[in-house]
Amino acid sequence: SRDNAKNTVYLQMNSLKPEDTAVYYCK
């Protein structure tokens, strides 16, 4: 999702698993 007023993008992650372990990058 994004908030245009704040110039910010979000990533909501649920039900996380050990295999989700990683470095997360924004592009």
mmCIF file of all heavy atoms, coordinates in Angstrom:
data_MODEL
# 
_entry.id   MODEL 
# 
loop_
_atom_site.group_PDB 
_atom_site.id 
_atom_site.type_symbol 
_atom_site.label_atom_id 
_atom_site.label_alt_id 
_atom_site.label_comp_id 
_atom_site.label_asym_id 
_atom_site.label_entity_id 
_atom_site.label_seq_id 
_atom_site.pdbx_PDB_ins_code 
_atom_site.Cartn_x 
_atom_site.Cartn_y 
_atom_site.Cartn_z 
_atom_site.occupancy 
_atom_site.B_iso_or_equiv 
_atom_site.pdbx_formal_charge 
_atom_site.auth_seq_id 
_atom_site.auth_comp_id 
_atom_site.auth_asym_id 
_atom_site.auth_atom_id 
_atom_site.pdbx_PDB_model_num 
ATOM 1   N N   . SER A 1 1  ? 0.848  -1.182  0.000   1.00 0.00 ? 1  SER A N   1 
ATOM 2   C CA  . SER A 1 1  ? 0.000  0.000   0.000   1.00 0.00 ? 1  SER A CA  1 
ATOM 3   C C   . SER A 1 1  ? 0.886  1.235   0.000   1.00 0.00 ? 1  SER A C   1 
ATOM 4   O O   . SER A 1 1  ? 2.102  1.141   0.187   1.00 0.00 ? 1  SER A O   1 
ATOM 5   C CB  . SER A 1 1  ? -0.946 0.009   1.209   1.00 0.00 ? 1  SER A CB  1 
ATOM 6   O OG  . SER A 1 1  ? -0.213 0.033   2.424   1.00 0.00 ? 1  SER A OG  1 
ATOM 7   N N   . ARG A 1 2  ? 0.270  2.387   -0.206  1.00 0.00 ? 2  ARG A N   1 
ATOM 8   C CA  . ARG A 1 2  ? 1.043  3.624   -0.220  1.00 0.00 ? 2  ARG A CA  1 
ATOM 9   C C   . ARG A 1 2  ? 0.264  4.760   0.412   1.00 0.00 ? 2  ARG A C   1 
ATOM 10  O O   . ARG A 1 2  ? -0.967 4.763   0.448   1.00 0.00 ? 2  ARG A O   1 
ATOM 11  C CB  . ARG A 1 2  ? 1.445  3.997   -1.653  1.00 0.00 ? 2  ARG A CB  1 
ATOM 12  C CG  . ARG A 1 2  ? 0.293  4.477   -2.523  1.00 0.00 ? 2  ARG A CG  1 
ATOM 13  C CD  . ARG A 1 2  ? 0.797  4.895   -3.896  1.00 0.00 ? 2  ARG A CD  1 
ATOM 14  N NE  . ARG A 1 2  ? -0.225 5.610   -4.656  1.00 0.00 ? 2  ARG A NE  1 
ATOM 15  C CZ  . ARG A 1 2  ? -1.098 5.035   -5.465  1.00 0.00 ? 2  ARG A CZ  1 
ATOM 16  N NH1 . ARG A 1 2  ? -1.076 3.725   -5.639  1.00 0.00 ? 2  ARG A NH1 1 
ATOM 17  N NH2 . ARG A 1 2  ? -1.993 5.775   -6.110  1.00 0.00 ? 2  ARG A NH2 1 
ATOM 18  N N   . ASP A 1 3  ? 1.014  5.725   0.903   1.00 0.00 ? 3  ASP A N   1 
ATOM 19  C CA  . ASP A 1 3  ? 0.468  6.961   1.435   1.00 0.00 ? 3  ASP A CA  1 
ATOM 20  C C   . ASP A 1 3  ? 1.117  8.078   0.635   1.00 0.00 ? 3  ASP A C   1 
ATOM 21  O O   . ASP A 1 3  ? 2.271  8.435   0.883   1.00 0.00 ? 3  ASP A O   1 
ATOM 22  C CB  . ASP A 1 3  ? 0.757  7.097   2.924   1.00 0.00 ? 3  ASP A CB  1 
ATOM 23  C CG  . ASP A 1 3  ? 0.069  8.298   3.545   1.00 0.00 ? 3  ASP A CG  1 
ATOM 24  O OD1 . ASP A 1 3  ? -0.189 9.287   2.841   1.00 0.00 ? 3  ASP A OD1 1 
ATOM 25  O OD2 . ASP A 1 3  ? -0.213 8.249   4.761   1.00 0.00 ? 3  ASP A OD2 1 
ATOM 26  N N   . ASN A 1 4  ? 0.396  8.603   -0.332  1.00 0.00 ? 4  ASN A N   1 
ATOM 27  C CA  . ASN A 1 4  ? 0.967  9.611   -1.221  1.00 0.00 ? 4  ASN A CA  1 
ATOM 28  C C   . ASN A 1 4  ? 1.369  10.883  -0.484  1.00 0.00 ? 4  ASN A C   1 
ATOM 29  O O   . ASN A 1 4  ? 2.366  11.521  -0.831  1.00 0.00 ? 4  ASN A O   1 
ATOM 30  C CB  . ASN A 1 4  ? -0.022 9.950   -2.332  1.00 0.00 ? 4  ASN A CB  1 
ATOM 31  C CG  . ASN A 1 4  ? -0.205 8.815   -3.312  1.00 0.00 ? 4  ASN A CG  1 
ATOM 32  O OD1 . ASN A 1 4  ? 0.702  8.011   -3.530  1.00 0.00 ? 4  ASN A OD1 1 
ATOM 33  N ND2 . ASN A 1 4  ? -1.371 8.747   -3.938  1.00 0.00 ? 4  ASN A ND2 1 
ATOM 34  N N   . ALA A 1 5  ? 0.601  11.259  0.523   1.00 0.00 ? 5  ALA A N   1 
ATOM 35  C CA  . ALA A 1 5  ? 0.908  12.464  1.275   1.00 0.00 ? 5  ALA A CA  1 
ATOM 36  C C   . ALA A 1 5  ? 2.239  12.347  1.999   1.00 0.00 ? 5  ALA A C   1 
ATOM 37  O O   . ALA A 1 5  ? 2.941  13.340  2.194   1.00 0.00 ? 5  ALA A O   1 
ATOM 38  C CB  . ALA A 1 5  ? -0.211 12.782  2.260   1.00 0.00 ? 5  ALA A CB  1 
ATOM 39  N N   . LYS A 1 6  ? 2.585  11.135  2.407   1.00 0.00 ? 6  LYS A N   1 
ATOM 40  C CA  . LYS A 1 6  ? 3.830  10.903  3.126   1.00 0.00 ? 6  LYS A CA  1 
ATOM 41  C C   . LYS A 1 6  ? 4.939  10.371  2.231   1.00 0.00 ? 6  LYS A C   1 
ATOM 42  O O   . LYS A 1 6  ? 6.043  10.122  2.716   1.00 0.00 ? 6  LYS A O   1 
ATOM 43  C CB  . LYS A 1 6  ? 3.597  9.933   4.280   1.00 0.00 ? 6  LYS A CB  1 
ATOM 44  C CG  . LYS A 1 6  ? 2.640  10.443  5.338   1.00 0.00 ? 6  LYS A CG  1 
ATOM 45  C CD  . LYS A 1 6  ? 2.463  9.427   6.458   1.00 0.00 ? 6  LYS A CD  1 
ATOM 46  C CE  . LYS A 1 6  ? 1.521  9.943   7.525   1.00 0.00 ? 6  LYS A CE  1 
ATOM 47  N NZ  . LYS A 1 6  ? 1.327  8.956   8.617   1.00 0.00 ? 6  LYS A NZ  1 
ATOM 48  N N   . ASN A 1 7  ? 4.647  10.173  0.947   1.00 0.00 ? 7  ASN A N   1 
ATOM 49  C CA  . ASN A 1 7  ? 5.617  9.612   0.003   1.00 0.00 ? 7  ASN A CA  1 
ATOM 50  C C   . ASN A 1 7  ? 6.197  8.303   0.524   1.00 0.00 ? 7  ASN A C   1 
ATOM 51  O O   . ASN A 1 7  ? 7.407  8.064   0.440   1.00 0.00 ? 7  ASN A O   1 
ATOM 52  C CB  . ASN A 1 7  ? 6.728  10.618  -0.288  1.00 0.00 ? 7  ASN A CB  1 
ATOM 53  C CG  . ASN A 1 7  ? 6.213  11.885  -0.927  1.00 0.00 ? 7  ASN A CG  1 
ATOM 54  O OD1 . ASN A 1 7  ? 5.365  11.848  -1.810  1.00 0.00 ? 7  ASN A OD1 1 
ATOM 55  N ND2 . ASN A 1 7  ? 6.730  13.026  -0.482  1.00 0.00 ? 7  ASN A ND2 1 
ATOM 56  N N   . THR A 1 8  ? 5.333  7.466   1.039   1.00 0.00 ? 8  THR A N   1 
ATOM 57  C CA  . THR A 1 8  ? 5.760  6.239   1.690   1.00 0.00 ? 8  THR A CA  1 
ATOM 58  C C   . THR A 1 8  ? 4.969  5.048   1.165   1.00 0.00 ? 8  THR A C   1 
ATOM 59  O O   . THR A 1 8  ? 3.755  5.141   0.970   1.00 0.00 ? 8  THR A O   1 
ATOM 60  C CB  . THR A 1 8  ? 5.591  6.341   3.211   1.00 0.00 ? 8  THR A CB  1 
ATOM 61  O OG1 . THR A 1 8  ? 6.387  7.428   3.703   1.00 0.00 ? 8  THR A OG1 1 
ATOM 62  C CG2 . THR A 1 8  ? 6.030  5.062   3.896   1.00 0.00 ? 8  THR A CG2 1 
ATOM 63  N N   . VAL A 1 9  ? 5.672  3.951   0.950   1.00 0.00 ? 9  VAL A N   1 
ATOM 64  C CA  . VAL A 1 9  ? 5.068  2.687   0.553   1.00 0.00 ? 9  VAL A CA  1 
ATOM 65  C C   . VAL A 1 9  ? 5.267  1.688   1.681   1.00 0.00 ? 9  VAL A C   1 
ATOM 66  O O   . VAL A 1 9  ? 6.331  1.650   2.308   1.00 0.00 ? 9  VAL A O   1 
ATOM 67  C CB  . VAL A 1 9  ? 5.677  2.161   -0.754  1.00 0.00 ? 9  VAL A CB  1 
ATOM 68  C CG1 . VAL A 1 9  ? 5.168  0.759   -1.067  1.00 0.00 ? 9  VAL A CG1 1 
ATOM 69  C CG2 . VAL A 1 9  ? 5.341  3.092   -1.905  1.00 0.00 ? 9  VAL A CG2 1 
ATOM 70  N N   . TYR A 1 10 ? 4.253  0.883   1.924   1.00 0.00 ? 10 TYR A N   1 
ATOM 71  C CA  . TYR A 1 10 ? 4.284  -0.077  3.014   1.00 0.00 ? 10 TYR A CA  1 
ATOM 72  C C   . TYR A 1 10 ? 4.149  -1.498  2.479   1.00 0.00 ? 10 TYR A C   1 
ATOM 73  O O   . TYR A 1 10 ? 3.554  -1.739  1.430   1.00 0.00 ? 10 TYR A O   1 
ATOM 74  C CB  . TYR A 1 10 ? 3.148  0.177   4.006   1.00 0.00 ? 10 TYR A CB  1 
ATOM 75  C CG  . TYR A 1 10 ? 3.118  1.576   4.558   1.00 0.00 ? 10 TYR A CG  1 
ATOM 76  C CD1 . TYR A 1 10 ? 2.312  2.554   3.981   1.00 0.00 ? 10 TYR A CD1 1 
ATOM 77  C CD2 . TYR A 1 10 ? 3.892  1.923   5.659   1.00 0.00 ? 10 TYR A CD2 1 
ATOM 78  C CE1 . TYR A 1 10 ? 2.278  3.839   4.483   1.00 0.00 ? 10 TYR A CE1 1 
ATOM 79  C CE2 . TYR A 1 10 ? 3.866  3.206   6.169   1.00 0.00 ? 10 TYR A CE2 1 
ATOM 80  C CZ  . TYR A 1 10 ? 3.055  4.165   5.581   1.00 0.00 ? 10 TYR A CZ  1 
ATOM 81  O OH  . TYR A 1 10 ? 3.030  5.436   6.091   1.00 0.00 ? 10 TYR A OH  1 
ATOM 82  N N   . LEU A 1 11 ? 4.700  -2.421  3.227   1.00 0.00 ? 11 LEU A N   1 
ATOM 83  C CA  . LEU A 1 11 ? 4.503  -3.838  2.963   1.00 0.00 ? 11 LEU A CA  1 
ATOM 84  C C   . LEU A 1 11 ? 4.068  -4.495  4.264   1.00 0.00 ? 11 LEU A C   1 
ATOM 85  O O   . LEU A 1 11 ? 4.863  -4.613  5.197   1.00 0.00 ? 11 LEU A O   1 
ATOM 86  C CB  . LEU A 1 11 ? 5.777  -4.501  2.435   1.00 0.00 ? 11 LEU A CB  1 
ATOM 87  C CG  . LEU A 1 11 ? 5.640  -5.994  2.112   1.00 0.00 ? 11 LEU A CG  1 
ATOM 88  C CD1 . LEU A 1 11 ? 4.725  -6.195  0.900   1.00 0.00 ? 11 LEU A CD1 1 
ATOM 89  C CD2 . LEU A 1 11 ? 7.000  -6.629  1.867   1.00 0.00 ? 11 LEU A CD2 1 
ATOM 90  N N   . GLN A 1 12 ? 2.813  -4.894  4.314   1.00 0.00 ? 12 GLN A N   1 
ATOM 91  C CA  . GLN A 1 12 ? 2.285  -5.612  5.459   1.00 0.00 ? 12 GLN A CA  1 
ATOM 92  C C   . GLN A 1 12 ? 2.487  -7.102  5.231   1.00 0.00 ? 12 GLN A C   1 
ATOM 93  O O   . GLN A 1 12 ? 2.020  -7.647  4.234   1.00 0.00 ? 12 GLN A O   1 
ATOM 94  C CB  . GLN A 1 12 ? 0.802  -5.308  5.657   1.00 0.00 ? 12 GLN A CB  1 
ATOM 95  C CG  . GLN A 1 12 ? 0.150  -6.053  6.811   1.00 0.00 ? 12 GLN A CG  1 
ATOM 96  C CD  . GLN A 1 12 ? 0.648  -5.603  8.163   1.00 0.00 ? 12 GLN A CD  1 
ATOM 97  O OE1 . GLN A 1 12 ? 0.781  -4.405  8.414   1.00 0.00 ? 12 GLN A OE1 1 
ATOM 98  N NE2 . GLN A 1 12 ? 0.935  -6.548  9.043   1.00 0.00 ? 12 GLN A NE2 1 
ATOM 99  N N   . MET A 1 13 ? 3.167  -7.753  6.151   1.00 0.00 ? 13 MET A N   1 
ATOM 100 C CA  . MET A 1 13 ? 3.454  -9.172  6.044   1.00 0.00 ? 13 MET A CA  1 
ATOM 101 C C   . MET A 1 13 ? 2.824  -9.897  7.221   1.00 0.00 ? 13 MET A C   1 
ATOM 102 O O   . MET A 1 13 ? 3.017  -9.507  8.377   1.00 0.00 ? 13 MET A O   1 
ATOM 103 C CB  . MET A 1 13 ? 4.957  -9.433  6.013   1.00 0.00 ? 13 MET A CB  1 
ATOM 104 C CG  . MET A 1 13 ? 5.682  -8.725  4.871   1.00 0.00 ? 13 MET A CG  1 
ATOM 105 S SD  . MET A 1 13 ? 7.438  -9.142  4.794   1.00 0.00 ? 13 MET A SD  1 
ATOM 106 C CE  . MET A 1 13 ? 7.998  -8.383  6.325   1.00 0.00 ? 13 MET A CE  1 
ATOM 107 N N   . ASN A 1 14 ? 2.082  -10.945 6.920   1.00 0.00 ? 14 ASN A N   1 
ATOM 108 C CA  . ASN A 1 14 ? 1.392  -11.722 7.935   1.00 0.00 ? 14 ASN A CA  1 
ATOM 109 C C   . ASN A 1 14 ? 1.773  -13.198 7.828   1.00 0.00 ? 14 ASN A C   1 
ATOM 110 O O   . ASN A 1 14 ? 2.300  -13.648 6.817   1.00 0.00 ? 14 ASN A O   1 
ATOM 111 C CB  . ASN A 1 14 ? -0.129 -11.570 7.782   1.00 0.00 ? 14 ASN A CB  1 
ATOM 112 C CG  . ASN A 1 14 ? -0.586 -10.135 7.847   1.00 0.00 ? 14 ASN A CG  1 
ATOM 113 O OD1 . ASN A 1 14 ? -0.166 -9.372  8.711   1.00 0.00 ? 14 ASN A OD1 1 
ATOM 114 N ND2 . ASN A 1 14 ? -1.481 -9.760  6.924   1.00 0.00 ? 14 ASN A ND2 1 
ATOM 115 N N   . SER A 1 15 ? 1.468  -13.925 8.881   1.00 0.00 ? 15 SER A N   1 
ATOM 116 C CA  . SER A 1 15 ? 1.734  -15.368 8.922   1.00 0.00 ? 15 SER A CA  1 
ATOM 117 C C   . SER A 1 15 ? 3.155  -15.680 8.473   1.00 0.00 ? 15 SER A C   1 
ATOM 118 O O   . SER A 1 15 ? 3.396  -16.548 7.630   1.00 0.00 ? 15 SER A O   1 
ATOM 119 C CB  . SER A 1 15 ? 0.713  -16.115 8.057   1.00 0.00 ? 15 SER A CB  1 
ATOM 120 O OG  . SER A 1 15 ? -0.606 -15.879 8.503   1.00 0.00 ? 15 SER A OG  1 
ATOM 121 N N   . LEU A 1 16 ? 4.092  -14.989 9.045   1.00 0.00 ? 16 LEU A N   1 
ATOM 122 C CA  . LEU A 1 16 ? 5.482  -15.113 8.625   1.00 0.00 ? 16 LEU A CA  1 
ATOM 123 C C   . LEU A 1 16 ? 6.040  -16.488 8.944   1.00 0.00 ? 16 LEU A C   1 
ATOM 124 O O   . LEU A 1 16 ? 5.693  -17.103 9.952   1.00 0.00 ? 16 LEU A O   1 
ATOM 125 C CB  . LEU A 1 16 ? 6.324  -14.031 9.280   1.00 0.00 ? 16 LEU A CB  1 
ATOM 126 C CG  . LEU A 1 16 ? 6.099  -12.629 8.710   1.00 0.00 ? 16 LEU A CG  1 
ATOM 127 C CD1 . LEU A 1 16 ? 6.689  -11.572 9.627   1.00 0.00 ? 16 LEU A CD1 1 
ATOM 128 C CD2 . LEU A 1 16 ? 6.710  -12.519 7.319   1.00 0.00 ? 16 LEU A CD2 1 
ATOM 129 N N   . LYS A 1 17 ? 6.909  -16.949 8.065   1.00 0.00 ? 17 LYS A N   1 
ATOM 130 C CA  . LYS A 1 17 ? 7.538  -18.245 8.169   1.00 0.00 ? 17 LYS A CA  1 
ATOM 131 C C   . LYS A 1 17 ? 9.051  -18.074 8.206   1.00 0.00 ? 17 LYS A C   1 
ATOM 132 O O   . LYS A 1 17 ? 9.575  -17.071 7.727   1.00 0.00 ? 17 LYS A O   1 
ATOM 133 C CB  . LYS A 1 17 ? 7.156  -19.133 6.980   1.00 0.00 ? 17 LYS A CB  1 
ATOM 134 C CG  . LYS A 1 17 ? 5.659  -19.285 6.759   1.00 0.00 ? 17 LYS A CG  1 
ATOM 135 C CD  . LYS A 1 17 ? 5.375  -20.042 5.471   1.00 0.00 ? 17 LYS A CD  1 
ATOM 136 C CE  . LYS A 1 17 ? 3.885  -20.153 5.216   1.00 0.00 ? 17 LYS A CE  1 
ATOM 137 N NZ  . LYS A 1 17 ? 3.600  -20.871 3.944   1.00 0.00 ? 17 LYS A NZ  1 
ATOM 138 N N   . PRO A 1 18 ? 9.770  -19.055 8.755   1.00 0.00 ? 18 PRO A N   1 
ATOM 139 C CA  . PRO A 1 18 ? 11.233 -18.950 8.765   1.00 0.00 ? 18 PRO A CA  1 
ATOM 140 C C   . PRO A 1 18 ? 11.833 -18.743 7.381   1.00 0.00 ? 18 PRO A C   1 
ATOM 141 O O   . PRO A 1 18 ? 12.849 -18.052 7.257   1.00 0.00 ? 18 PRO A O   1 
ATOM 142 C CB  . PRO A 1 18 ? 11.672 -20.289 9.371   1.00 0.00 ? 18 PRO A CB  1 
ATOM 143 C CG  . PRO A 1 18 ? 10.538 -20.675 10.258  1.00 0.00 ? 18 PRO A CG  1 
ATOM 144 C CD  . PRO A 1 18 ? 9.307  -20.211 9.529   1.00 0.00 ? 18 PRO A CD  1 
ATOM 145 N N   . GLU A 1 19 ? 11.221 -19.306 6.345   1.00 0.00 ? 19 GLU A N   1 
ATOM 146 C CA  . GLU A 1 19 ? 11.731 -19.132 4.994   1.00 0.00 ? 19 GLU A CA  1 
ATOM 147 C C   . GLU A 1 19 ? 11.541 -17.723 4.454   1.00 0.00 ? 19 GLU A C   1 
ATOM 148 O O   . GLU A 1 19 ? 12.039 -17.396 3.372   1.00 0.00 ? 19 GLU A O   1 
ATOM 149 C CB  . GLU A 1 19 ? 11.102 -20.149 4.024   1.00 0.00 ? 19 GLU A CB  1 
ATOM 150 C CG  . GLU A 1 19 ? 9.585  -20.188 4.071   1.00 0.00 ? 19 GLU A CG  1 
ATOM 151 C CD  . GLU A 1 19 ? 9.057  -21.315 4.937   1.00 0.00 ? 19 GLU A CD  1 
ATOM 152 O OE1 . GLU A 1 19 ? 9.599  -21.530 6.036   1.00 0.00 ? 19 GLU A OE1 1 
ATOM 153 O OE2 . GLU A 1 19 ? 8.103  -21.995 4.498   1.00 0.00 ? 19 GLU A OE2 1 
ATOM 154 N N   . ASP A 1 20 ? 10.819 -16.875 5.184   1.00 0.00 ? 20 ASP A N   1 
ATOM 155 C CA  . ASP A 1 20 ? 10.698 -15.476 4.812   1.00 0.00 ? 20 ASP A CA  1 
ATOM 156 C C   . ASP A 1 20 ? 11.909 -14.658 5.249   1.00 0.00 ? 20 ASP A C   1 
ATOM 157 O O   . ASP A 1 20 ? 12.005 -13.470 4.917   1.00 0.00 ? 20 ASP A O   1 
ATOM 158 C CB  . ASP A 1 20 ? 9.435  -14.859 5.413   1.00 0.00 ? 20 ASP A CB  1 
ATOM 159 C CG  . ASP A 1 20 ? 8.160  -15.473 4.853   1.00 0.00 ? 20 ASP A CG  1 
ATOM 160 O OD1 . ASP A 1 20 ? 8.115  -15.761 3.640   1.00 0.00 ? 20 ASP A OD1 1 
ATOM 161 O OD2 . ASP A 1 20 ? 7.201  -15.657 5.636   1.00 0.00 ? 20 ASP A OD2 1 
ATOM 162 N N   . THR A 1 21 ? 12.799 -15.268 5.992   1.00 0.00 ? 21 THR A N   1 
ATOM 163 C CA  . THR A 1 21 ? 13.999 -14.576 6.447   1.00 0.00 ? 21 THR A CA  1 
ATOM 164 C C   . THR A 1 21 ? 14.829 -14.122 5.254   1.00 0.00 ? 21 THR A C   1 
ATOM 165 O O   . THR A 1 21 ? 15.223 -14.929 4.412   1.00 0.00 ? 21 THR A O   1 
ATOM 166 C CB  . THR A 1 21 ? 14.832 -15.483 7.357   1.00 0.00 ? 21 THR A CB  1 
ATOM 167 O OG1 . THR A 1 21 ? 14.092 -15.786 8.540   1.00 0.00 ? 21 THR A OG1 1 
ATOM 168 C CG2 . THR A 1 21 ? 16.137 -14.806 7.746   1.00 0.00 ? 21 THR A CG2 1 
ATOM 169 N N   . ALA A 1 22 ? 15.079 -12.832 5.172   1.00 0.00 ? 22 ALA A N   1 
ATOM 170 C CA  . ALA A 1 22 ? 15.799 -12.264 4.037   1.00 0.00 ? 22 ALA A CA  1 
ATOM 171 C C   . ALA A 1 22 ? 16.023 -10.782 4.290   1.00 0.00 ? 22 ALA A C   1 
ATOM 172 O O   . ALA A 1 22 ? 15.492 -10.210 5.243   1.00 0.00 ? 22 ALA A O   1 
ATOM 173 C CB  . ALA A 1 22 ? 15.005 -12.455 2.735   1.00 0.00 ? 22 ALA A CB  1 
ATOM 174 N N   . VAL A 1 23 ? 16.815 -10.186 3.424   1.00 0.00 ? 23 VAL A N   1 
ATOM 175 C CA  . VAL A 1 23 ? 16.912 -8.738  3.378   1.00 0.00 ? 23 VAL A CA  1 
ATOM 176 C C   . VAL A 1 23 ? 15.855 -8.246  2.407   1.00 0.00 ? 23 VAL A C   1 
ATOM 177 O O   . VAL A 1 23 ? 15.785 -8.710  1.270   1.00 0.00 ? 23 VAL A O   1 
ATOM 178 C CB  . VAL A 1 23 ? 18.308 -8.265  2.940   1.00 0.00 ? 23 VAL A CB  1 
ATOM 179 C CG1 . VAL A 1 23 ? 18.348 -6.741  2.844   1.00 0.00 ? 23 VAL A CG1 1 
ATOM 180 C CG2 . VAL A 1 23 ? 19.366 -8.756  3.918   1.00 0.00 ? 23 VAL A CG2 1 
ATOM 181 N N   . TYR A 1 24 ? 15.045 -7.320  2.850   1.00 0.00 ? 24 TYR A N   1 
ATOM 182 C CA  . TYR A 1 24 ? 13.970 -6.782  2.036   1.00 0.00 ? 24 TYR A CA  1 
ATOM 183 C C   . TYR A 1 24 ? 14.358 -5.403  1.523   1.00 0.00 ? 24 TYR A C   1 
ATOM 184 O O   . TYR A 1 24 ? 14.757 -4.525  2.290   1.00 0.00 ? 24 TYR A O   1 
ATOM 185 C CB  . TYR A 1 24 ? 12.674 -6.710  2.841   1.00 0.00 ? 24 TYR A CB  1 
ATOM 186 C CG  . TYR A 1 24 ? 12.038 -8.061  3.047   1.00 0.00 ? 24 TYR A CG  1 
ATOM 187 C CD1 . TYR A 1 24 ? 12.614 -8.990  3.911   1.00 0.00 ? 24 TYR A CD1 1 
ATOM 188 C CD2 . TYR A 1 24 ? 10.879 -8.418  2.367   1.00 0.00 ? 24 TYR A CD2 1 
ATOM 189 C CE1 . TYR A 1 24 ? 12.049 -10.240 4.086   1.00 0.00 ? 24 TYR A CE1 1 
ATOM 190 C CE2 . TYR A 1 24 ? 10.311 -9.667  2.547   1.00 0.00 ? 24 TYR A CE2 1 
ATOM 191 C CZ  . TYR A 1 24 ? 10.897 -10.575 3.398   1.00 0.00 ? 24 TYR A CZ  1 
ATOM 192 O OH  . TYR A 1 24 ? 10.327 -11.816 3.565   1.00 0.00 ? 24 TYR A OH  1 
ATOM 193 N N   . TYR A 1 25 ? 14.232 -5.231  0.209   1.00 0.00 ? 25 TYR A N   1 
ATOM 194 C CA  . TYR A 1 25 ? 14.642 -4.008  -0.458  1.00 0.00 ? 25 TYR A CA  1 
ATOM 195 C C   . TYR A 1 25 ? 13.453 -3.298  -1.082  1.00 0.00 ? 25 TYR A C   1 
ATOM 196 O O   . TYR A 1 25 ? 12.562 -3.934  -1.645  1.00 0.00 ? 25 TYR A O   1 
ATOM 197 C CB  . TYR A 1 25 ? 15.654 -4.299  -1.564  1.00 0.00 ? 25 TYR A CB  1 
ATOM 198 C CG  . TYR A 1 25 ? 16.959 -4.894  -1.098  1.00 0.00 ? 25 TYR A CG  1 
ATOM 199 C CD1 . TYR A 1 25 ? 17.126 -6.268  -1.032  1.00 0.00 ? 25 TYR A CD1 1 
ATOM 200 C CD2 . TYR A 1 25 ? 18.026 -4.076  -0.730  1.00 0.00 ? 25 TYR A CD2 1 
ATOM 201 C CE1 . TYR A 1 25 ? 18.322 -6.824  -0.614  1.00 0.00 ? 25 TYR A CE1 1 
ATOM 202 C CE2 . TYR A 1 25 ? 19.223 -4.621  -0.312  1.00 0.00 ? 25 TYR A CE2 1 
ATOM 203 C CZ  . TYR A 1 25 ? 19.363 -5.995  -0.258  1.00 0.00 ? 25 TYR A CZ  1 
ATOM 204 O OH  . TYR A 1 25 ? 20.555 -6.545  0.155   1.00 0.00 ? 25 TYR A OH  1 
ATOM 205 N N   . CYS A 1 26 ? 13.475 -1.991  -1.011  1.00 0.00 ? 26 CYS A N   1 
ATOM 206 C CA  . CYS A 1 26 ? 12.489 -1.157  -1.682  1.00 0.00 ? 26 CYS A CA  1 
ATOM 207 C C   . CYS A 1 26 ? 13.075 -0.652  -2.995  1.00 0.00 ? 26 CYS A C   1 
ATOM 208 O O   . CYS A 1 26 ? 14.250 -0.282  -3.051  1.00 0.00 ? 26 CYS A O   1 
ATOM 209 C CB  . CYS A 1 26 ? 12.103 0.019   -0.782  1.00 0.00 ? 26 CYS A CB  1 
ATOM 210 S SG  . CYS A 1 26 ? 10.873 1.145   -1.492  1.00 0.00 ? 26 CYS A SG  1 
ATOM 211 N N   . LYS A 1 27 ? 12.271 -0.655  -4.047  1.00 0.00 ? 27 LYS A N   1 
ATOM 212 C CA  . LYS A 1 27 ? 12.708 -0.163  -5.349  1.00 0.00 ? 27 LYS A CA  1 
ATOM 213 C C   . LYS A 1 27 ? 11.715 0.846   -5.895  1.00 0.00 ? 27 LYS A C   1 
ATOM 214 O O   . LYS A 1 27 ? 10.501 0.661   -5.791  1.00 0.00 ? 27 LYS A O   1 
ATOM 215 C CB  . LYS A 1 27 ? 12.854 -1.317  -6.351  1.00 0.00 ? 27 LYS A CB  1 
ATOM 216 C CG  . LYS A 1 27 ? 13.435 -0.868  -7.692  1.00 0.00 ? 27 LYS A CG  1 
ATOM 217 C CD  . LYS A 1 27 ? 13.507 -2.003  -8.708  1.00 0.00 ? 27 LYS A CD  1 
ATOM 218 C CE  . LYS A 1 27 ? 12.172 -2.235  -9.364  1.00 0.00 ? 27 LYS A CE  1 
ATOM 219 N NZ  . LYS A 1 27 ? 12.292 -3.219  -10.499 1.00 0.00 ? 27 LYS A NZ  1 
# 
